[in-house]
Structures are given as structure tokens and as C-alpha cells.
């Protein structure tokens, strides 16, 4: 069976590209948006408007996920037999 093979250099290029992108962001805005998101989650408010603003300020999916994990915890499906 054939599968997609990527040149290992592509990984390095992507890591470098993401690093440059994250370095170019306004970290004060990113931190403010993450705090707003955490406050909305804790307060039981609609997070979508805050989330949209966060994405516009280049907050990453991983950073958003970290906030969700900090506020709500990590979901573990109960094992039922």
C-alpha cells in the first residue's frame, strides 16, 4: 500500500515558519485574549465572541485548548462494562 511520504526537510521548514509567525504576534494581545477566554469559561458566558476575537489576534488552537484544559479539566470517558 502506498502512502504519502514527505521530505523530512518539510518538517523543519514548518517548525521554523510557525516559530517566526508566533514571534511576530503582539503577545500582549494574545495574553489578554487568553485571559478573556478563561474568564468567559469560568463565568459560564458565551465564549464564541471572545474566541473569534482571539483568533483574529492570532491565538493558536493549542493555546485555546490549553485554556479549556485549565478551566474545565481533561475529559476522560468513563469505562463502563
PDB file of N, CA and C in Angstrom:
ATOM      1  N   UNK A   1       0.843  -1.165   0.000  1.00  0.00           N
ATOM      2  CA  UNK A   1       0.000   0.000   0.000  1.00  0.00           C
ATOM      3  C   UNK A   1       0.902   1.247   0.000  1.00  0.00           C
ATOM      4  N   UNK A   2       0.601   2.160  -0.865  1.00  0.00           N
ATOM      5  CA  UNK A   2       1.371   3.388  -0.921  1.00  0.00           C
ATOM      6  C   UNK A   2       0.759   4.422   0.000  1.00  0.00           C
ATOM      7  N   UNK A   3       1.589   5.216   0.615  1.00  0.00           N
ATOM      8  CA  UNK A   3       1.128   6.311   1.454  1.00  0.00           C
ATOM      9  C   UNK A   3       2.012   7.521   1.198  1.00  0.00           C
ATOM     10  N   UNK A   4       1.514   8.642   1.623  1.00  0.00           N
ATOM     11  CA  UNK A   4       2.216   9.893   1.375  1.00  0.00           C
ATOM     12  C   UNK A   4       3.514   9.944   2.169  1.00  0.00           C
ATOM     13  N   UNK A   5       4.585  10.202   1.482  1.00  0.00           N
ATOM     14  CA  UNK A   5       5.888  10.376   2.128  1.00  0.00           C
ATOM     15  C   UNK A   5       6.316  11.822   1.916  1.00  0.00           C
ATOM     16  N   UNK A   6       6.665  12.450   3.010  1.00  0.00           N
ATOM     17  CA  UNK A   6       7.129  13.830   2.946  1.00  0.00           C
ATOM     18  C   UNK A   6       8.609  13.894   3.260  1.00  0.00           C
ATOM     19  N   UNK A   7       9.260  14.792   2.602  1.00  0.00           N
ATOM     20  CA  UNK A   7      10.672  15.023   2.864  1.00  0.00           C
ATOM     21  C   UNK A   7      10.819  15.554   4.291  1.00  0.00           C
ATOM     22  N   UNK A   8      11.783  15.052   5.026  1.00  0.00           N
ATOM     23  CA  UNK A   8      11.973  15.476   6.415  1.00  0.00           C
ATOM     24  C   UNK A   8      12.300  16.958   6.526  1.00  0.00           C
ATOM     25  N   UNK A   9      12.810  17.547   5.481  1.00  0.00           N
ATOM     26  CA  UNK A   9      13.123  18.978   5.490  1.00  0.00           C
ATOM     27  C   UNK A   9      11.859  19.812   5.620  1.00  0.00           C
ATOM     28  N   UNK A  10      10.727  19.270   5.158  1.00  0.00           N
ATOM     29  CA  UNK A  10       9.456  19.987   5.233  1.00  0.00           C
ATOM     30  C   UNK A  10       9.087  20.237   6.696  1.00  0.00           C
ATOM     31  N   UNK A  11       9.332  19.265   7.550  1.00  0.00           N
ATOM     32  CA  UNK A  11       9.026  19.439   8.973  1.00  0.00           C
ATOM     33  C   UNK A  11       9.822  20.606   9.556  1.00  0.00           C
ATOM     34  N   UNK A  12      11.092  20.642   9.290  1.00  0.00           N
ATOM     35  CA  UNK A  12      11.935  21.716   9.795  1.00  0.00           C
ATOM     36  C   UNK A  12      11.485  23.078   9.295  1.00  0.00           C
ATOM     37  N   UNK A  13      11.112  23.132   8.019  1.00  0.00           N
ATOM     38  CA  UNK A  13      10.630  24.393   7.445  1.00  0.00           C
ATOM     39  C   UNK A  13       9.345  24.849   8.124  1.00  0.00           C
ATOM     40  N   UNK A  14       8.439  23.925   8.369  1.00  0.00           N
ATOM     41  CA  UNK A  14       7.168  24.271   9.008  1.00  0.00           C
ATOM     42  C   UNK A  14       7.374  24.729  10.448  1.00  0.00           C
ATOM     43  N   UNK A  15       8.247  24.050  11.183  1.00  0.00           N
ATOM     44  CA  UNK A  15       8.534  24.434  12.565  1.00  0.00           C
ATOM     45  C   UNK A  15       9.126  25.839  12.592  1.00  0.00           C
ATOM     46  N   UNK A  16      10.031  26.102  11.674  1.00  0.00           N
ATOM     47  CA  UNK A  16      10.647  27.434  11.589  1.00  0.00           C
ATOM     48  C   UNK A  16       9.600  28.488  11.214  1.00  0.00           C
ATOM     49  N   UNK A  17       8.745  28.156  10.277  1.00  0.00           N
ATOM     50  CA  UNK A  17       7.698  29.083   9.832  1.00  0.00           C
ATOM     51  C   UNK A  17       6.740  29.429  10.968  1.00  0.00           C
ATOM     52  N   UNK A  18       6.304  28.423  11.715  1.00  0.00           N
ATOM     53  CA  UNK A  18       5.405  28.655  12.850  1.00  0.00           C
ATOM     54  C   UNK A  18       6.118  29.483  13.917  1.00  0.00           C
ATOM     55  N   UNK A  19       7.376  29.196  14.150  1.00  0.00           N
ATOM     56  CA  UNK A  19       8.149  29.965  15.128  1.00  0.00           C
ATOM     57  C   UNK A  19       8.240  31.436  14.752  1.00  0.00           C
ATOM     58  N   UNK A  20       8.493  31.710  13.486  1.00  0.00           N
ATOM     59  CA  UNK A  20       8.551  33.106  13.019  1.00  0.00           C
ATOM     60  C   UNK A  20       7.193  33.779  13.158  1.00  0.00           C
ATOM     61  N   UNK A  21       6.131  33.037  12.811  1.00  0.00           N
ATOM     62  CA  UNK A  21       4.779  33.584  12.915  1.00  0.00           C
ATOM     63  C   UNK A  21       4.435  33.944  14.356  1.00  0.00           C
ATOM     64  N   UNK A  22       4.703  33.022  15.276  1.00  0.00           N
ATOM     65  CA  UNK A  22       4.392  33.271  16.684  1.00  0.00           C
ATOM     66  C   UNK A  22       5.235  34.417  17.244  1.00  0.00           C
ATOM     67  N   UNK A  23       6.468  34.541  16.781  1.00  0.00           N
ATOM     68  CA  UNK A  23       7.330  35.627  17.249  1.00  0.00           C
ATOM     69  C   UNK A  23       6.845  36.988  16.754  1.00  0.00           C
ATOM     70  N   UNK A  24       6.125  37.001  15.648  1.00  0.00           N
ATOM     71  CA  UNK A  24       5.664  38.267  15.075  1.00  0.00           C
ATOM     72  C   UNK A  24       4.352  38.755  15.693  1.00  0.00           C
ATOM     73  N   UNK A  25       3.712  37.921  16.529  1.00  0.00           N
ATOM     74  CA  UNK A  25       2.438  38.316  17.133  1.00  0.00           C
ATOM     75  C   UNK A  25       2.646  39.335  18.234  1.00  0.00           C
ATOM     76  N   UNK A  26       1.598  40.097  18.517  1.00  0.00           N
ATOM     77  CA  UNK A  26       1.596  41.011  19.654  1.00  0.00           C
ATOM     78  C   UNK A  26       1.206  40.177  20.879  1.00  0.00           C
ATOM     79  N   UNK A  27       2.205  39.809  21.673  1.00  0.00           N
ATOM     80  CA  UNK A  27       1.959  38.904  22.793  1.00  0.00           C
ATOM     81  C   UNK A  27       1.068  39.517  23.866  1.00  0.00           C
ATOM     82  N   UNK A  28       1.047  40.829  23.980  1.00  0.00           N
ATOM     83  CA  UNK A  28       0.156  41.470  24.946  1.00  0.00           C
ATOM     84  C   UNK A  28      -1.300  41.205  24.555  1.00  0.00           C
ATOM     85  N   UNK A  29      -1.593  41.274  23.251  1.00  0.00           N
ATOM     86  CA  UNK A  29      -2.951  40.988  22.775  1.00  0.00           C
ATOM     87  C   UNK A  29      -3.294  39.519  22.977  1.00  0.00           C
ATOM     88  N   UNK A  30      -2.339  38.654  22.664  1.00  0.00           N
ATOM     89  CA  UNK A  30      -2.564  37.212  22.816  1.00  0.00           C
ATOM     90  C   UNK A  30      -2.878  36.881  24.271  1.00  0.00           C
ATOM     91  N   UNK A  31      -2.070  37.379  25.190  1.00  0.00           N
ATOM     92  CA  UNK A  31      -2.297  37.102  26.612  1.00  0.00           C
ATOM     93  C   UNK A  31      -3.632  37.671  27.086  1.00  0.00           C
ATOM     94  N   UNK A  32      -3.968  38.868  26.616  1.00  0.00           N
ATOM     95  CA  UNK A  32      -5.248  39.481  27.002  1.00  0.00           C
ATOM     96  C   UNK A  32      -6.416  38.633  26.513  1.00  0.00           C
ATOM     97  N   UNK A  33      -6.332  38.156  25.274  1.00  0.00           N
ATOM     98  CA  UNK A  33      -7.412  37.318  24.719  1.00  0.00           C
ATOM     99  C   UNK A  33      -7.521  35.991  25.458  1.00  0.00           C
ATOM    100  N   UNK A  34      -6.391  35.404  25.816  1.00  0.00           N
ATOM    101  CA  UNK A  34      -6.434  34.142  26.564  1.00  0.00           C
ATOM    102  C   UNK A  34      -7.058  34.346  27.935  1.00  0.00           C
ATOM    103  N   UNK A  35      -6.771  35.465  28.582  1.00  0.00           N
ATOM    104  CA  UNK A  35      -7.375  35.771  29.876  1.00  0.00           C
ATOM    105  C   UNK A  35      -8.878  35.990  29.725  1.00  0.00           C
ATOM    106  N   UNK A  36      -9.278  36.717  28.681  1.00  0.00           N
ATOM    107  CA  UNK A  36     -10.702  36.939  28.423  1.00  0.00           C
ATOM    108  C   UNK A  36     -11.419  35.617  28.181  1.00  0.00           C
ATOM    109  N   UNK A  37     -10.785  34.725  27.449  1.00  0.00           N
ATOM    110  CA  UNK A  37     -11.375  33.417  27.180  1.00  0.00           C
ATOM    111  C   UNK A  37     -11.532  32.622  28.474  1.00  0.00           C
ATOM    112  N   UNK A  38     -10.503  32.611  29.292  1.00  0.00           N
ATOM    113  CA  UNK A  38     -10.574  31.887  30.570  1.00  0.00           C
ATOM    114  C   UNK A  38     -11.668  32.478  31.457  1.00  0.00           C
ATOM    115  N   UNK A  39     -11.776  33.806  31.502  1.00  0.00           N
ATOM    116  CA  UNK A  39     -12.816  34.446  32.314  1.00  0.00           C
ATOM    117  C   UNK A  39     -14.208  34.092  31.801  1.00  0.00           C
ATOM    118  N   UNK A  40     -14.389  34.073  30.481  1.00  0.00           N
ATOM    119  CA  UNK A  40     -15.682  33.713  29.900  1.00  0.00           C
ATOM    120  C   UNK A  40     -16.035  32.266  30.231  1.00  0.00           C
ATOM    121  N   UNK A  41     -15.049  31.378  30.172  1.00  0.00           N
ATOM    122  CA  UNK A  41     -15.287  29.973  30.502  1.00  0.00           C
ATOM    123  C   UNK A  41     -15.675  29.819  31.969  1.00  0.00           C
ATOM    124  N   UNK A  42     -14.943  30.465  32.840  1.00  0.00           N
ATOM    125  CA  UNK A  42     -15.231  30.364  34.274  1.00  0.00           C
ATOM    126  C   UNK A  42     -16.577  30.984  34.634  1.00  0.00           C
ATOM    127  N   UNK A  43     -16.961  32.046  33.917  1.00  0.00           N
ATOM    128  CA  UNK A  43     -18.206  32.743  34.213  1.00  0.00           C
ATOM    129  C   UNK A  43     -19.425  32.118  33.558  1.00  0.00           C
ATOM    130  N   UNK A  44     -19.216  31.095  32.755  1.00  0.00           N
ATOM    131  CA  UNK A  44     -20.343  30.446  32.097  1.00  0.00           C
ATOM    132  C   UNK A  44     -20.931  31.276  30.968  1.00  0.00           C
ATOM    133  N   UNK A  45     -20.150  32.174  30.409  1.00  0.00           N
ATOM    134  CA  UNK A  45     -20.618  33.044  29.343  1.00  0.00           C
ATOM    135  C   UNK A  45     -20.400  32.400  27.975  1.00  0.00           C
ATOM    136  N   UNK A  46     -21.001  32.987  26.967  1.00  0.00           N
ATOM    137  CA  UNK A  46     -20.802  32.550  25.595  1.00  0.00           C
ATOM    138  C   UNK A  46     -19.351  32.842  25.206  1.00  0.00           C
ATOM    139  N   UNK A  47     -18.602  31.821  24.891  1.00  0.00           N
ATOM    140  CA  UNK A  47     -17.181  32.003  24.571  1.00  0.00           C
ATOM    141  C   UNK A  47     -16.943  32.328  23.103  1.00  0.00           C
ATOM    142  N   UNK A  48     -17.946  32.149  22.253  1.00  0.00           N
ATOM    143  CA  UNK A  48     -17.721  32.326  20.817  1.00  0.00           C
ATOM    144  C   UNK A  48     -17.256  33.730  20.447  1.00  0.00           C
ATOM    145  N   UNK A  49     -17.887  34.816  20.942  1.00  0.00           N
ATOM    146  CA  UNK A  49     -17.371  36.141  20.570  1.00  0.00           C
ATOM    147  C   UNK A  49     -15.922  36.364  21.019  1.00  0.00           C
ATOM    148  N   UNK A  50     -15.582  35.879  22.205  1.00  0.00           N
ATOM    149  CA  UNK A  50     -14.216  36.014  22.711  1.00  0.00           C
ATOM    150  C   UNK A  50     -13.270  35.170  21.864  1.00  0.00           C
ATOM    151  N   UNK A  51     -13.715  33.990  21.498  1.00  0.00           N
ATOM    152  CA  UNK A  51     -12.898  33.097  20.687  1.00  0.00           C
ATOM    153  C   UNK A  51     -12.627  33.685  19.307  1.00  0.00           C
ATOM    154  N   UNK A  52     -13.639  34.288  18.704  1.00  0.00           N
ATOM    155  CA  UNK A  52     -13.455  34.918  17.390  1.00  0.00           C
ATOM    156  C   UNK A  52     -12.428  36.046  17.480  1.00  0.00           C
ATOM    157  N   UNK A  53     -12.546  36.869  18.514  1.00  0.00           N
ATOM    158  CA  UNK A  53     -11.572  37.949  18.698  1.00  0.00           C
ATOM    159  C   UNK A  53     -10.166  37.392  18.942  1.00  0.00           C
ATOM    160  N   UNK A  54     -10.084  36.298  19.680  1.00  0.00           N
ATOM    161  CA  UNK A  54      -8.782  35.687  19.958  1.00  0.00           C
ATOM    162  C   UNK A  54      -8.124  35.198  18.667  1.00  0.00           C
ATOM    163  N   UNK A  55      -8.897  34.564  17.827  1.00  0.00           N
ATOM    164  CA  UNK A  55      -8.348  34.054  16.564  1.00  0.00           C
ATOM    165  C   UNK A  55      -7.908  35.215  15.667  1.00  0.00           C
ATOM    166  N   UNK A  56      -8.658  36.306  15.696  1.00  0.00           N
ATOM    167  CA  UNK A  56      -8.269  37.485  14.908  1.00  0.00           C
ATOM    168  C   UNK A  56      -6.939  38.056  15.387  1.00  0.00           C
ATOM    169  N   UNK A  57      -6.627  37.858  16.664  1.00  0.00           N
ATOM    170  CA  UNK A  57      -5.347  38.306  17.207  1.00  0.00           C
ATOM    171  C   UNK A  57      -4.303  37.193  17.188  1.00  0.00           C
ATOM    172  N   UNK A  58      -4.557  36.150  16.398  1.00  0.00           N
ATOM    173  CA  UNK A  58      -3.608  35.069  16.127  1.00  0.00           C
ATOM    174  C   UNK A  58      -3.308  34.174  17.326  1.00  0.00           C
ATOM    175  N   UNK A  59      -4.291  33.967  18.172  1.00  0.00           N
ATOM    176  CA  UNK A  59      -4.157  32.969  19.235  1.00  0.00           C
ATOM    177  C   UNK A  59      -4.284  31.604  18.568  1.00  0.00           C
ATOM    178  N   UNK A  60      -3.414  30.686  18.915  1.00  0.00           N
ATOM    179  CA  UNK A  60      -3.404  29.382  18.250  1.00  0.00           C
ATOM    180  C   UNK A  60      -4.414  28.423  18.866  1.00  0.00           C
ATOM    181  N   UNK A  61      -4.744  27.395  18.121  1.00  0.00           N
ATOM    182  CA  UNK A  61      -5.655  26.358  18.600  1.00  0.00           C
ATOM    183  C   UNK A  61      -5.094  25.692  19.853  1.00  0.00           C
ATOM    184  N   UNK A  62      -3.798  25.468  19.881  1.00  0.00           N
ATOM    185  CA  UNK A  62      -3.174  24.860  21.056  1.00  0.00           C
ATOM    186  C   UNK A  62      -3.305  25.728  22.287  1.00  0.00           C
ATOM    187  N   UNK A  63      -3.163  27.038  22.113  1.00  0.00           N
ATOM    188  CA  UNK A  63      -3.297  27.954  23.247  1.00  0.00           C
ATOM    189  C   UNK A  63      -4.736  27.984  23.753  1.00  0.00           C
ATOM    190  N   UNK A  64      -5.699  27.963  22.830  1.00  0.00           N
ATOM    191  CA  UNK A  64      -7.112  27.916  23.218  1.00  0.00           C
ATOM    192  C   UNK A  64      -7.396  26.605  23.958  1.00  0.00           C
ATOM    193  N   UNK A  65      -6.874  25.509  23.429  1.00  0.00           N
ATOM    194  CA  UNK A  65      -7.079  24.204  24.059  1.00  0.00           C
ATOM    195  C   UNK A  65      -6.477  24.163  25.457  1.00  0.00           C
ATOM    196  N   UNK A  66      -5.329  24.799  25.638  1.00  0.00           N
ATOM    197  CA  UNK A  66      -4.711  24.858  26.968  1.00  0.00           C
ATOM    198  C   UNK A  66      -5.620  25.575  27.954  1.00  0.00           C
ATOM    199  N   UNK A  67      -6.267  26.662  27.517  1.00  0.00           N
ATOM    200  CA  UNK A  67      -7.198  27.381  28.392  1.00  0.00           C
ATOM    201  C   UNK A  67      -8.367  26.471  28.762  1.00  0.00           C
ATOM    202  N   UNK A  68      -8.923  25.794  27.785  1.00  0.00           N
ATOM    203  CA  UNK A  68     -10.047  24.886  28.062  1.00  0.00           C
ATOM    204  C   UNK A  68      -9.643  23.799  29.061  1.00  0.00           C
ATOM    205  N   UNK A  69      -8.446  23.237  28.879  1.00  0.00           N
ATOM    206  CA  UNK A  69      -7.988  22.197  29.805  1.00  0.00           C
ATOM    207  C   UNK A  69      -7.780  22.753  31.209  1.00  0.00           C
ATOM    208  N   UNK A  70      -7.250  23.970  31.307  1.00  0.00           N
ATOM    209  CA  UNK A  70      -7.025  24.575  32.624  1.00  0.00           C
ATOM    210  C   UNK A  70      -8.344  24.842  33.336  1.00  0.00           C
ATOM    211  N   UNK A  71      -9.344  25.322  32.605  1.00  0.00           N
ATOM    212  CA  UNK A  71     -10.615  25.696  33.222  1.00  0.00           C
ATOM    213  C   UNK A  71     -11.502  24.474  33.454  1.00  0.00           C
ATOM    214  N   UNK A  72     -11.650  23.631  32.443  1.00  0.00           N
ATOM    215  CA  UNK A  72     -12.603  22.523  32.505  1.00  0.00           C
ATOM    216  C   UNK A  72     -11.973  21.184  32.863  1.00  0.00           C
ATOM    217  N   UNK A  73     -10.667  21.101  32.768  1.00  0.00           N
ATOM    218  CA  UNK A  73     -10.003  19.817  33.008  1.00  0.00           C
ATOM    219  C   UNK A  73      -9.964  18.984  31.744  1.00  0.00           C
ATOM    220  N   UNK A  74      -9.375  17.837  31.858  1.00  0.00           N
ATOM    221  CA  UNK A  74      -9.237  16.925  30.713  1.00  0.00           C
ATOM    222  C   UNK A  74     -10.327  15.877  30.819  1.00  0.00           C
ATOM    223  N   UNK A  75     -11.121  15.738  29.782  1.00  0.00           N
ATOM    224  CA  UNK A  75     -12.225  14.776  29.790  1.00  0.00           C
ATOM    225  C   UNK A  75     -11.689  13.367  29.629  1.00  0.00           C
ATOM    226  N   UNK A  76     -12.141  12.518  30.476  1.00  0.00           N
ATOM    227  CA  UNK A  76     -11.827  11.082  30.379  1.00  0.00           C
ATOM    228  C   UNK A  76     -13.151  10.343  30.323  1.00  0.00           C
ATOM    229  N   UNK A  77     -13.353   9.636  29.244  1.00  0.00           N
ATOM    230  CA  UNK A  77     -14.599   8.887  29.089  1.00  0.00           C
ATOM    231  C   UNK A  77     -14.629   7.776  30.131  1.00  0.00           C
ATOM    232  N   UNK A  78     -15.740   7.696  30.877  1.00  0.00           N
ATOM    233  CA  UNK A  78     -15.818   6.623  31.878  1.00  0.00           C
ATOM    234  C   UNK A  78     -15.889   5.251  31.206  1.00  0.00           C
ATOM    235  N   UNK A  79     -15.193   4.327  31.788  1.00  0.00           N
ATOM    236  CA  UNK A  79     -15.199   2.958  31.275  1.00  0.00           C
ATOM    237  C   UNK A  79     -16.328   2.216  31.965  1.00  0.00           C
ATOM    238  N   UNK A  80     -17.264   1.737  31.168  1.00  0.00           N
ATOM    239  CA  UNK A  80     -18.434   1.034  31.724  1.00  0.00           C
ATOM    240  C   UNK A  80     -18.471  -0.359  31.109  1.00  0.00           C
ATOM    241  N   UNK A  81     -18.573  -1.349  31.969  1.00  0.00           N
ATOM    242  CA  UNK A  81     -18.680  -2.731  31.480  1.00  0.00           C
ATOM    243  C   UNK A  81     -20.054  -3.254  31.705  1.00  0.00           C
TER     244      UNK A  81
END
